[in-house]
Amino acid sequence: MTMIPLWIKLSYTIFVMLTVAVYTVKYGYGNFLWFSDIALVATVPALWFESSLIASMMTIGILLPELFWNVTYFGRLVTGRRLAGLTDYMFDAQKPLYLRALSLFHVFLPVFLLWMISRLGYAKEAWIAQSVLAWIVLPLTYLLTDPAQNINWVHGPGTKPQKRLPPLVYLCFLMIGFSLFVYLPTHLLLQAFFI
């Protein structure tokens, strides 16, 4: 018996195919190393295979960062004040409206993943699996992407590269930081709610 209706699987898959096609042309392949974009794409196999592990990993990977994204986006939308640079592109009139509209997946994806976990269950091994994924993705991001894009903040927090630490030392701290300060608290929270 399937846990997720076919129409949801099809609708989400079509949305992701459209988004990937547009993002590839507009942003290039490096953009898909953002953890949010990884979660967007990885949710497709999670849906079709009804994989609790993949859904749990992606939720751990993006729940806190997407909460921050949403606070900065809706905070600026409501108050007109810039809270952080993470969502500046959403207010850039130079970017086409359809491109900014596609980025609204940041709003629904965390909720959708939580719904998936409520249906499929939470996988206890997701914290370790997501940490291993991050330890692969972060060095690849550092090696393969333009420092000016600062994808996953591999060159420093915010928009500018950090100068205090040697770059590889900072990268190691970032890898540990994601695992202990982003993924572990999310893992503990999800365990408390879903197990």
Protein backbone atom coordinates (compact mmCIF):
# COMPACT_ATOMS: atom_id res chain seq x y z
CA MET A 1 0.00 0.00 0.00
CA THR A 2 1.40 3.40 -0.98
CA MET A 3 1.61 6.10 1.66
CA ILE A 4 1.77 9.07 -0.73
CA PRO A 5 -0.85 9.65 -3.44
CA LEU A 6 0.25 9.44 -7.08
CA TRP A 7 -0.99 12.95 -7.91
CA ILE A 8 1.37 14.43 -5.30
CA LYS A 9 4.30 12.46 -6.69
CA LEU A 10 3.54 13.56 -10.24
CA SER A 11 2.88 17.22 -9.38
CA TYR A 12 6.04 17.56 -7.34
CA THR A 13 8.18 15.78 -9.94
CA ILE A 14 6.92 18.06 -12.73
CA PHE A 15 7.62 21.14 -10.60
CA VAL A 16 11.17 19.94 -9.87
CA MET A 17 11.85 19.12 -13.54
CA LEU A 18 10.73 22.63 -14.52
CA THR A 19 12.77 24.26 -11.75
CA VAL A 20 15.91 22.25 -12.57
CA ALA A 21 15.64 23.16 -16.25
CA VAL A 22 15.27 26.88 -15.50
CA TYR A 23 17.94 26.95 -12.78
CA THR A 24 20.42 25.13 -15.00
CA VAL A 25 20.08 27.81 -17.67
CA LYS A 26 19.93 30.79 -15.31
CA TYR A 27 22.31 29.77 -12.51
CA GLY A 28 24.43 26.88 -13.79
CA TYR A 29 25.14 23.47 -12.28
CA GLY A 30 26.98 24.78 -9.22
CA ASN A 31 23.72 26.13 -7.85
CA PHE A 32 22.56 22.55 -7.28
CA LEU A 33 25.15 22.17 -4.52
CA TRP A 34 23.07 24.42 -2.24
CA PHE A 35 21.58 22.14 0.41
CA SER A 36 18.12 23.52 -0.35
CA ASP A 37 18.47 22.58 -4.02
CA ILE A 38 19.81 19.15 -3.09
CA ALA A 39 16.72 18.67 -0.90
CA LEU A 40 14.44 19.90 -3.67
CA VAL A 41 15.81 17.29 -6.08
CA ALA A 42 16.32 14.44 -3.58
CA THR A 43 12.71 14.70 -2.48
CA VAL A 44 11.71 13.26 -5.87
CA PRO A 45 13.22 9.80 -5.18
CA ALA A 46 12.07 10.10 -1.56
CA LEU A 47 8.51 10.44 -2.86
CA TRP A 48 8.63 7.71 -5.49
CA PHE A 49 10.42 5.18 -3.28
CA GLU A 50 8.57 6.42 -0.20
CA SER A 51 11.93 6.56 1.52
CA SER A 52 11.81 7.59 5.13
CA LEU A 53 15.61 7.87 5.18
CA ILE A 54 15.89 10.31 2.27
CA ALA A 55 12.95 12.40 3.52
CA SER A 56 14.44 12.48 7.03
CA MET A 57 17.89 13.44 5.74
CA MET A 58 16.54 16.27 3.62
CA THR A 59 14.45 17.57 6.51
CA ILE A 60 17.49 17.60 8.81
CA GLY A 61 19.49 19.31 6.07
CA ILE A 62 17.14 22.20 5.44
CA LEU A 63 14.67 22.73 8.29
CA LEU A 64 16.70 25.29 10.28
CA PRO A 65 18.28 27.05 7.26
CA GLU A 66 14.87 27.30 5.56
CA LEU A 67 13.33 28.68 8.74
CA PHE A 68 15.98 31.41 8.62
CA TRP A 69 15.30 31.95 4.88
CA ASN A 70 11.58 32.34 5.57
CA VAL A 71 12.07 34.71 8.50
CA THR A 72 14.33 36.96 6.41
CA TYR A 73 12.05 36.80 3.37
CA PHE A 74 8.72 37.38 5.11
CA GLY A 75 10.30 39.83 7.53
CA ARG A 76 11.39 42.02 4.63
CA LEU A 77 8.11 41.47 2.78
CA VAL A 78 6.11 42.69 5.79
CA THR A 79 8.39 45.39 7.21
CA GLY A 80 10.39 46.44 4.14
CA ARG A 81 13.57 46.11 6.22
CA ARG A 82 16.47 43.90 5.19
CA LEU A 83 17.20 41.39 7.95
CA ALA A 84 19.98 39.45 6.19
CA GLY A 85 21.37 39.10 2.68
CA LEU A 86 20.19 35.54 2.15
CA THR A 87 16.97 36.54 0.37
CA ASP A 88 18.14 39.74 -1.35
CA TYR A 89 17.70 38.10 -4.75
CA MET A 90 13.96 37.74 -4.08
CA PHE A 91 13.66 41.54 -4.08
CA ASP A 92 15.96 42.17 -7.05
CA ALA A 93 13.81 43.67 -9.82
CA GLN A 94 16.57 42.76 -12.31
CA LYS A 95 15.70 39.08 -11.85
CA PRO A 96 12.60 37.94 -13.73
CA LEU A 97 9.49 37.42 -11.61
CA TYR A 98 9.09 33.79 -12.75
CA LEU A 99 12.64 33.03 -11.55
CA ARG A 100 11.95 34.53 -8.13
CA ALA A 101 8.59 32.73 -7.99
CA LEU A 102 10.31 29.36 -8.48
CA SER A 103 12.40 30.12 -5.38
CA LEU A 104 9.24 30.08 -3.30
CA PHE A 105 9.92 26.35 -2.95
CA HIS A 106 11.86 27.50 0.14
CA VAL A 107 8.48 28.24 1.72
CA PHE A 108 6.67 24.97 1.07
CA LEU A 109 9.51 22.41 0.97
CA PRO A 110 10.16 22.22 4.75
CA VAL A 111 6.44 21.81 5.43
CA PHE A 112 6.16 19.22 2.68
CA LEU A 113 9.09 17.23 4.07
CA LEU A 114 7.60 17.32 7.58
CA TRP A 115 4.35 16.01 6.10
CA MET A 116 6.28 13.23 4.36
CA ILE A 117 7.93 12.21 7.63
CA SER A 118 4.53 12.16 9.32
CA ARG A 119 3.43 9.66 6.66
CA LEU A 120 6.61 7.63 6.24
CA GLY A 121 8.13 7.86 9.72
CA TYR A 122 11.41 9.35 10.84
CA ALA A 123 14.66 7.43 10.17
CA LYS A 124 16.94 7.53 13.24
CA GLU A 125 20.07 7.12 11.11
CA ALA A 126 19.29 10.31 9.15
CA TRP A 127 21.58 12.54 11.24
CA ILE A 128 24.67 10.45 10.46
CA ALA A 129 23.66 10.03 6.80
CA GLN A 130 23.03 13.76 6.34
CA SER A 131 26.33 14.62 8.06
CA VAL A 132 28.20 12.29 5.69
CA LEU A 133 26.42 13.88 2.74
CA ALA A 134 27.42 17.35 3.97
CA TRP A 135 31.05 16.22 4.41
CA ILE A 136 31.01 15.30 0.71
CA VAL A 137 29.02 18.30 -0.55
CA LEU A 138 30.90 21.03 1.32
CA PRO A 139 34.41 20.18 0.00
CA LEU A 140 32.96 19.72 -3.50
CA THR A 141 31.29 23.12 -3.22
CA TYR A 142 34.57 24.66 -2.10
CA LEU A 143 36.46 23.09 -5.01
CA LEU A 144 33.93 23.46 -7.83
CA THR A 145 32.07 26.72 -7.34
CA ASP A 146 32.89 30.40 -7.72
CA PRO A 147 33.88 31.93 -4.35
CA ALA A 148 31.80 34.99 -5.27
CA GLN A 149 28.66 32.82 -5.06
CA ASN A 150 29.70 31.48 -1.65
CA ILE A 151 27.38 28.48 -1.94
CA ASN A 152 26.65 26.89 1.45
CA TRP A 153 28.89 29.60 2.97
CA VAL A 154 32.03 27.54 2.24
CA HIS A 155 34.12 30.71 1.98
CA GLY A 156 32.66 32.53 4.98
CA PRO A 157 29.40 33.51 6.60
CA GLY A 158 27.43 36.03 4.60
CA THR A 159 28.41 37.36 1.21
CA LYS A 160 32.14 38.04 1.70
CA PRO A 161 34.91 35.48 2.21
CA GLN A 162 36.18 35.29 5.78
CA LYS A 163 39.80 36.24 6.47
CA ARG A 164 40.33 35.18 10.09
CA LEU A 165 41.08 31.50 9.50
CA PRO A 166 42.94 29.65 6.77
CA PRO A 167 40.27 28.66 4.21
CA LEU A 168 40.58 24.89 4.77
CA VAL A 169 40.45 25.29 8.55
CA TYR A 170 37.27 27.34 8.16
CA LEU A 171 35.86 24.63 5.87
CA CYS A 172 36.56 21.94 8.48
CA PHE A 173 34.85 24.02 11.17
CA LEU A 174 31.90 24.50 8.83
CA MET A 175 31.62 20.76 8.24
CA ILE A 176 31.64 20.07 11.98
CA GLY A 177 29.31 23.02 12.61
CA PHE A 178 26.65 21.83 10.19
CA SER A 179 26.67 18.38 11.78
CA LEU A 180 26.62 19.50 15.42
CA PHE A 181 24.78 22.82 15.40
CA VAL A 182 22.31 22.48 12.51
CA TYR A 183 21.69 18.77 11.94
CA LEU A 184 21.93 17.37 15.49
CA PRO A 185 19.39 19.76 17.08
CA THR A 186 17.02 19.17 14.16
CA HIS A 187 17.52 15.41 14.50
CA LEU A 188 16.71 15.52 18.22
CA LEU A 189 13.64 17.65 17.59
CA LEU A 190 12.36 15.34 14.85
CA GLN A 191 12.98 12.27 17.01
CA ALA A 192 10.96 13.83 19.81
CA PHE A 193 8.03 14.57 17.51
CA PHE A 194 7.98 11.56 15.20
CA ILE A 195 9.34 8.58 17.15
